[in-house]
PDB file of N, CA and C in Angstrom:
ATOM      1  N   UNK A   1      82.615  97.371  70.950  1.00  0.00           N
ATOM      2  CA  UNK A   1      83.865  98.062  71.226  1.00  0.00           C
ATOM      3  C   UNK A   1      84.493  98.526  69.913  1.00  0.00           C
ATOM      4  N   UNK A   2      85.048  99.710  69.953  1.00  0.00           N
ATOM      5  CA  UNK A   2      85.767 100.215  68.793  1.00  0.00           C
ATOM      6  C   UNK A   2      87.201 100.506  69.201  1.00  0.00           C
ATOM      7  N   UNK A   3      88.093 100.427  68.238  1.00  0.00           N
ATOM      8  CA  UNK A   3      89.505 100.702  68.475  1.00  0.00           C
ATOM      9  C   UNK A   3      89.872 101.982  67.749  1.00  0.00           C
ATOM     10  N   UNK A   4      90.406 102.934  68.510  1.00  0.00           N
ATOM     11  CA  UNK A   4      90.829 104.217  67.958  1.00  0.00           C
ATOM     12  C   UNK A   4      92.346 104.299  68.035  1.00  0.00           C
ATOM     13  N   UNK A   5      92.974 104.860  66.993  1.00  0.00           N
ATOM     14  CA  UNK A   5      94.427 105.006  66.998  1.00  0.00           C
ATOM     15  C   UNK A   5      94.813 106.443  66.703  1.00  0.00           C
ATOM     16  N   UNK A   6      95.889 106.867  67.360  1.00  0.00           N
ATOM     17  CA  UNK A   6      96.369 108.240  67.258  1.00  0.00           C
ATOM     18  C   UNK A   6      97.885 108.269  67.184  1.00  0.00           C
ATOM     19  N   UNK A   7      98.414 109.279  66.480  1.00  0.00           N
ATOM     20  CA  UNK A   7      99.847 109.564  66.510  1.00  0.00           C
ATOM     21  C   UNK A   7     100.078 110.513  67.678  1.00  0.00           C
ATOM     22  N   UNK A   8     101.136 110.263  68.453  1.00  0.00           N
ATOM     23  CA  UNK A   8     101.419 111.116  69.610  1.00  0.00           C
ATOM     24  C   UNK A   8     102.911 111.425  69.696  1.00  0.00           C
ATOM     25  N   UNK A   9     103.272 112.214  70.697  1.00  0.00           N
ATOM     26  CA  UNK A   9     104.685 112.411  71.020  1.00  0.00           C
ATOM     27  C   UNK A   9     104.987 111.791  72.387  1.00  0.00           C
ATOM     28  N   UNK A  10     104.226 110.784  72.773  1.00  0.00           N
ATOM     29  CA  UNK A  10     104.451 110.030  74.010  1.00  0.00           C
ATOM     30  C   UNK A  10     105.532 109.003  73.686  1.00  0.00           C
ATOM     31  N   UNK A  11     106.783 109.292  74.069  1.00  0.00           N
ATOM     32  CA  UNK A  11     107.869 108.484  73.536  1.00  0.00           C
ATOM     33  C   UNK A  11     108.730 107.742  74.548  1.00  0.00           C
ATOM     34  N   UNK A  12     108.364 107.750  75.828  1.00  0.00           N
ATOM     35  CA  UNK A  12     109.199 107.039  76.800  1.00  0.00           C
ATOM     36  C   UNK A  12     108.354 106.644  78.013  1.00  0.00           C
ATOM     37  N   UNK A  13     108.949 105.887  78.891  1.00  0.00           N
ATOM     38  CA  UNK A  13     108.244 105.455  80.087  1.00  0.00           C
ATOM     39  C   UNK A  13     107.783 106.617  80.952  1.00  0.00           C
ATOM     40  N   UNK A  14     108.591 107.663  81.020  1.00  0.00           N
ATOM     41  CA  UNK A  14     108.209 108.839  81.796  1.00  0.00           C
ATOM     42  C   UNK A  14     106.983 109.527  81.215  1.00  0.00           C
ATOM     43  N   UNK A  15     106.921 109.577  79.883  1.00  0.00           N
ATOM     44  CA  UNK A  15     105.759 110.166  79.215  1.00  0.00           C
ATOM     45  C   UNK A  15     104.515 109.330  79.481  1.00  0.00           C
ATOM     46  N   UNK A  16     104.671 108.020  79.401  1.00  0.00           N
ATOM     47  CA  UNK A  16     103.532 107.135  79.655  1.00  0.00           C
ATOM     48  C   UNK A  16     103.040 107.322  81.084  1.00  0.00           C
ATOM     49  N   UNK A  17     103.976 107.433  82.017  1.00  0.00           N
ATOM     50  CA  UNK A  17     103.601 107.647  83.418  1.00  0.00           C
ATOM     51  C   UNK A  17     102.843 108.963  83.580  1.00  0.00           C
ATOM     52  N   UNK A  18     103.261 109.982  82.853  1.00  0.00           N
ATOM     53  CA  UNK A  18     102.619 111.296  82.951  1.00  0.00           C
ATOM     54  C   UNK A  18     101.203 111.299  82.386  1.00  0.00           C
ATOM     55  N   UNK A  19     100.967 110.527  81.331  1.00  0.00           N
ATOM     56  CA  UNK A  19      99.650 110.536  80.681  1.00  0.00           C
ATOM     57  C   UNK A  19      98.713 109.470  81.270  1.00  0.00           C
ATOM     58  N   UNK A  20      99.252 108.539  82.041  1.00  0.00           N
ATOM     59  CA  UNK A  20      98.445 107.438  82.580  1.00  0.00           C
ATOM     60  C   UNK A  20      97.223 107.902  83.370  1.00  0.00           C
ATOM     61  N   UNK A  21      97.339 108.852  84.309  1.00  0.00           N
ATOM     62  CA  UNK A  21      96.130 109.250  85.058  1.00  0.00           C
ATOM     63  C   UNK A  21      95.008 109.743  84.150  1.00  0.00           C
ATOM     64  N   UNK A  22      95.343 110.539  83.142  1.00  0.00           N
ATOM     65  CA  UNK A  22      94.318 111.083  82.248  1.00  0.00           C
ATOM     66  C   UNK A  22      93.667 109.980  81.422  1.00  0.00           C
ATOM     67  N   UNK A  23      94.477 109.080  80.891  1.00  0.00           N
ATOM     68  CA  UNK A  23      93.910 108.018  80.050  1.00  0.00           C
ATOM     69  C   UNK A  23      93.172 106.980  80.879  1.00  0.00           C
ATOM     70  N   UNK A  24      93.667 106.682  82.077  1.00  0.00           N
ATOM     71  CA  UNK A  24      92.947 105.737  82.930  1.00  0.00           C
ATOM     72  C   UNK A  24      91.585 106.301  83.330  1.00  0.00           C
ATOM     73  N   UNK A  25      91.532 107.615  83.566  1.00  0.00           N
ATOM     74  CA  UNK A  25      90.269 108.247  83.945  1.00  0.00           C
ATOM     75  C   UNK A  25      89.279 108.214  82.774  1.00  0.00           C
ATOM     76  N   UNK A  26      89.754 108.481  81.564  1.00  0.00           N
ATOM     77  CA  UNK A  26      88.879 108.527  80.395  1.00  0.00           C
ATOM     78  C   UNK A  26      88.535 107.139  79.866  1.00  0.00           C
ATOM     79  N   UNK A  27      89.565 106.332  79.621  1.00  0.00           N
ATOM     80  CA  UNK A  27      89.365 105.059  78.925  1.00  0.00           C
ATOM     81  C   UNK A  27      89.339 103.856  79.860  1.00  0.00           C
ATOM     82  N   UNK A  28      89.938 104.007  81.036  1.00  0.00           N
ATOM     83  CA  UNK A  28      90.021 102.890  81.963  1.00  0.00           C
ATOM     84  C   UNK A  28      91.337 102.146  81.810  1.00  0.00           C
ATOM     85  N   UNK A  29      91.904 101.723  82.921  1.00  0.00           N
ATOM     86  CA  UNK A  29      93.165 100.986  82.906  1.00  0.00           C
ATOM     87  C   UNK A  29      92.991  99.719  82.079  1.00  0.00           C
ATOM     88  N   UNK A  30      93.982  99.429  81.253  1.00  0.00           N
ATOM     89  CA  UNK A  30      93.940  98.233  80.433  1.00  0.00           C
ATOM     90  C   UNK A  30      93.243  98.410  79.098  1.00  0.00           C
ATOM     91  N   UNK A  31      92.670  99.585  78.857  1.00  0.00           N
ATOM     92  CA  UNK A  31      91.954  99.830  77.600  1.00  0.00           C
ATOM     93  C   UNK A  31      92.747 100.695  76.628  1.00  0.00           C
ATOM     94  N   UNK A  32      94.013 100.960  76.956  1.00  0.00           N
ATOM     95  CA  UNK A  32      94.833 101.781  76.073  1.00  0.00           C
ATOM     96  C   UNK A  32      96.289 101.340  76.174  1.00  0.00           C
ATOM     97  N   UNK A  33      97.053 101.646  75.135  1.00  0.00           N
ATOM     98  CA  UNK A  33      98.492 101.394  75.160  1.00  0.00           C
ATOM     99  C   UNK A  33      99.166 102.288  74.136  1.00  0.00           C
ATOM    100  N   UNK A  34     100.454 102.564  74.382  1.00  0.00           N
ATOM    101  CA  UNK A  34     101.243 103.371  73.458  1.00  0.00           C
ATOM    102  C   UNK A  34     102.386 102.506  72.949  1.00  0.00           C
ATOM    103  N   UNK A  35     102.536 102.440  71.635  1.00  0.00           N
ATOM    104  CA  UNK A  35     103.641 101.711  71.021  1.00  0.00           C
ATOM    105  C   UNK A  35     104.796 102.684  70.836  1.00  0.00           C
ATOM    106  N   UNK A  36     105.692 102.743  71.832  1.00  0.00           N
ATOM    107  CA  UNK A  36     106.808 103.689  71.773  1.00  0.00           C
ATOM    108  C   UNK A  36     107.891 103.234  70.794  1.00  0.00           C
ATOM    109  N   UNK A  37     107.813 102.003  70.292  1.00  0.00           N
ATOM    110  CA  UNK A  37     108.786 101.538  69.303  1.00  0.00           C
ATOM    111  C   UNK A  37     108.398 101.973  67.895  1.00  0.00           C
ATOM    112  N   UNK A  38     107.134 102.337  67.691  1.00  0.00           N
ATOM    113  CA  UNK A  38     106.660 102.812  66.401  1.00  0.00           C
ATOM    114  C   UNK A  38     107.113 104.267  66.227  1.00  0.00           C
ATOM    115  N   UNK A  39     107.626 104.631  65.058  1.00  0.00           N
ATOM    116  CA  UNK A  39     108.072 106.030  64.857  1.00  0.00           C
ATOM    117  C   UNK A  39     106.979 107.062  65.110  1.00  0.00           C
ATOM    118  N   UNK A  40     105.712 106.674  64.932  1.00  0.00           N
ATOM    119  CA  UNK A  40     104.587 107.595  65.155  1.00  0.00           C
ATOM    120  C   UNK A  40     104.042 107.532  66.572  1.00  0.00           C
ATOM    121  N   UNK A  41     104.652 106.701  67.439  1.00  0.00           N
ATOM    122  CA  UNK A  41     104.226 106.599  68.850  1.00  0.00           C
ATOM    123  C   UNK A  41     102.717 106.418  68.932  1.00  0.00           C
ATOM    124  N   UNK A  42     102.235 105.326  68.378  1.00  0.00           N
ATOM    125  CA  UNK A  42     100.803 105.094  68.219  1.00  0.00           C
ATOM    126  C   UNK A  42     100.123 104.763  69.553  1.00  0.00           C
ATOM    127  N   UNK A  43      99.128 105.568  69.883  1.00  0.00           N
ATOM    128  CA  UNK A  43      98.249 105.318  71.023  1.00  0.00           C
ATOM    129  C   UNK A  43      97.034 104.576  70.495  1.00  0.00           C
ATOM    130  N   UNK A  44      96.751 103.430  71.082  1.00  0.00           N
ATOM    131  CA  UNK A  44      95.577 102.638  70.710  1.00  0.00           C
ATOM    132  C   UNK A  44      94.647 102.593  71.912  1.00  0.00           C
ATOM    133  N   UNK A  45      93.396 102.965  71.701  1.00  0.00           N
ATOM    134  CA  UNK A  45      92.395 102.977  72.762  1.00  0.00           C
ATOM    135  C   UNK A  45      91.222 102.109  72.325  1.00  0.00           C
ATOM    136  N   UNK A  46      90.802 101.204  73.201  1.00  0.00           N
ATOM    137  CA  UNK A  46      89.627 100.383  72.959  1.00  0.00           C
ATOM    138  C   UNK A  46      88.513 100.913  73.859  1.00  0.00           C
ATOM    139  N   UNK A  47      87.400 101.288  73.254  1.00  0.00           N
ATOM    140  CA  UNK A  47      86.315 101.902  74.023  1.00  0.00           C
ATOM    141  C   UNK A  47      84.974 101.636  73.368  1.00  0.00           C
ATOM    142  N   UNK A  48      83.941 101.701  74.155  1.00  0.00           N
ATOM    143  CA  UNK A  48      82.603 101.619  73.582  1.00  0.00           C
ATOM    144  C   UNK A  48      81.832 102.913  73.795  1.00  0.00           C
ATOM    145  N   UNK A  49      82.442 103.889  74.493  1.00  0.00           N
ATOM    146  CA  UNK A  49      81.704 105.103  74.813  1.00  0.00           C
ATOM    147  C   UNK A  49      82.434 106.402  74.480  1.00  0.00           C
ATOM    148  N   UNK A  50      83.751 106.382  74.379  1.00  0.00           N
ATOM    149  CA  UNK A  50      84.493 107.619  74.159  1.00  0.00           C
ATOM    150  C   UNK A  50      84.590 107.984  72.681  1.00  0.00           C
ATOM    151  N   UNK A  51      84.652 109.285  72.424  1.00  0.00           N
ATOM    152  CA  UNK A  51      84.893 109.765  71.071  1.00  0.00           C
ATOM    153  C   UNK A  51      86.378 110.061  70.922  1.00  0.00           C
ATOM    154  N   UNK A  52      86.819 110.158  69.690  1.00  0.00           N
ATOM    155  CA  UNK A  52      88.213 110.515  69.428  1.00  0.00           C
ATOM    156  C   UNK A  52      88.528 111.873  70.046  1.00  0.00           C
ATOM    157  N   UNK A  53      87.580 112.793  69.996  1.00  0.00           N
ATOM    158  CA  UNK A  53      87.798 114.137  70.533  1.00  0.00           C
ATOM    159  C   UNK A  53      88.033 114.097  72.046  1.00  0.00           C
ATOM    160  N   UNK A  54      87.304 113.247  72.754  1.00  0.00           N
ATOM    161  CA  UNK A  54      87.490 113.141  74.205  1.00  0.00           C
ATOM    162  C   UNK A  54      88.879 112.613  74.541  1.00  0.00           C
ATOM    163  N   UNK A  55      89.340 111.642  73.803  1.00  0.00           N
ATOM    164  CA  UNK A  55      90.673 111.079  74.041  1.00  0.00           C
ATOM    165  C   UNK A  55      91.741 112.105  73.715  1.00  0.00           C
ATOM    166  N   UNK A  56      91.580 112.789  72.596  1.00  0.00           N
ATOM    167  CA  UNK A  56      92.550 113.805  72.208  1.00  0.00           C
ATOM    168  C   UNK A  56      92.627 114.921  73.248  1.00  0.00           C
ATOM    169  N   UNK A  57      91.498 115.325  73.764  1.00  0.00           N
ATOM    170  CA  UNK A  57      91.474 116.380  74.788  1.00  0.00           C
ATOM    171  C   UNK A  57      92.205 115.928  76.051  1.00  0.00           C
ATOM    172  N   UNK A  58      91.993 114.686  76.469  1.00  0.00           N
ATOM    173  CA  UNK A  58      92.647 114.173  77.676  1.00  0.00           C
ATOM    174  C   UNK A  58      94.168 114.146  77.507  1.00  0.00           C
ATOM    175  N   UNK A  59      94.633 113.709  76.343  1.00  0.00           N
ATOM    176  CA  UNK A  59      96.080 113.644  76.090  1.00  0.00           C
ATOM    177  C   UNK A  59      96.670 115.047  76.001  1.00  0.00           C
ATOM    178  N   UNK A  60      95.982 115.950  75.322  1.00  0.00           N
ATOM    179  CA  UNK A  60      96.461 117.334  75.222  1.00  0.00           C
ATOM    180  C   UNK A  60      96.498 117.998  76.596  1.00  0.00           C
ATOM    181  N   UNK A  61      95.502 117.749  77.422  1.00  0.00           N
ATOM    182  CA  UNK A  61      95.478 118.327  78.765  1.00  0.00           C
ATOM    183  C   UNK A  61      96.605 117.778  79.629  1.00  0.00           C
ATOM    184  N   UNK A  62      97.095 116.593  79.296  1.00  0.00           N
ATOM    185  CA  UNK A  62      98.233 116.022  80.025  1.00  0.00           C
ATOM    186  C   UNK A  62      99.559 116.563  79.496  1.00  0.00           C
ATOM    187  N   UNK A  63      99.508 117.392  78.446  1.00  0.00           N
ATOM    188  CA  UNK A  63     100.694 118.055  77.946  1.00  0.00           C
ATOM    189  C   UNK A  63     101.347 117.406  76.732  1.00  0.00           C
ATOM    190  N   UNK A  64     100.619 116.562  76.026  1.00  0.00           N
ATOM    191  CA  UNK A  64     101.206 115.876  74.880  1.00  0.00           C
ATOM    192  C   UNK A  64     100.467 116.226  73.600  1.00  0.00           C
ATOM    193  N   UNK A  65     101.179 116.035  72.482  1.00  0.00           N
ATOM    194  CA  UNK A  65     100.602 116.266  71.172  1.00  0.00           C
ATOM    195  C   UNK A  65      99.921 114.979  70.710  1.00  0.00           C
ATOM    196  N   UNK A  66      98.819 115.129  69.993  1.00  0.00           N
ATOM    197  CA  UNK A  66      98.074 113.969  69.515  1.00  0.00           C
ATOM    198  C   UNK A  66      97.327 114.355  68.254  1.00  0.00           C
ATOM    199  N   UNK A  67      97.232 113.422  67.322  1.00  0.00           N
ATOM    200  CA  UNK A  67      96.423 113.602  66.123  1.00  0.00           C
ATOM    201  C   UNK A  67      95.939 112.252  65.658  1.00  0.00           C
ATOM    202  N   UNK A  68      94.873 112.238  64.896  1.00  0.00           N
ATOM    203  CA  UNK A  68      94.327 110.971  64.400  1.00  0.00           C
ATOM    204  C   UNK A  68      95.364 110.280  63.531  1.00  0.00           C
ATOM    205  N   UNK A  69      95.454 108.964  63.681  1.00  0.00           N
ATOM    206  CA  UNK A  69      96.438 108.191  62.908  1.00  0.00           C
ATOM    207  C   UNK A  69      95.905 107.902  61.522  1.00  0.00           C
TER     208      UNK A  69
END
C-alpha cells in the first residue's frame, strides 16, 4: 500500500459529501480522508493500485481543485 497526499479546495462537510461518490468509486470507502483543518485541505489516499493522476482526475471531475502536496 502507498499513501498519496494532495492539496485541494475541499474545505467543508458539503464539499466532502460532494466528492465522496467519486473517491469511494476510485479508492474505496475508508481509504481516503480530507483534513479540512489543514490550511492546504490535504487529501490522503491509501491505495495499492491507483495512480496520482487517477485520483486527481476523479477529484477534478467532481468539481474540485487538486494538486500534488
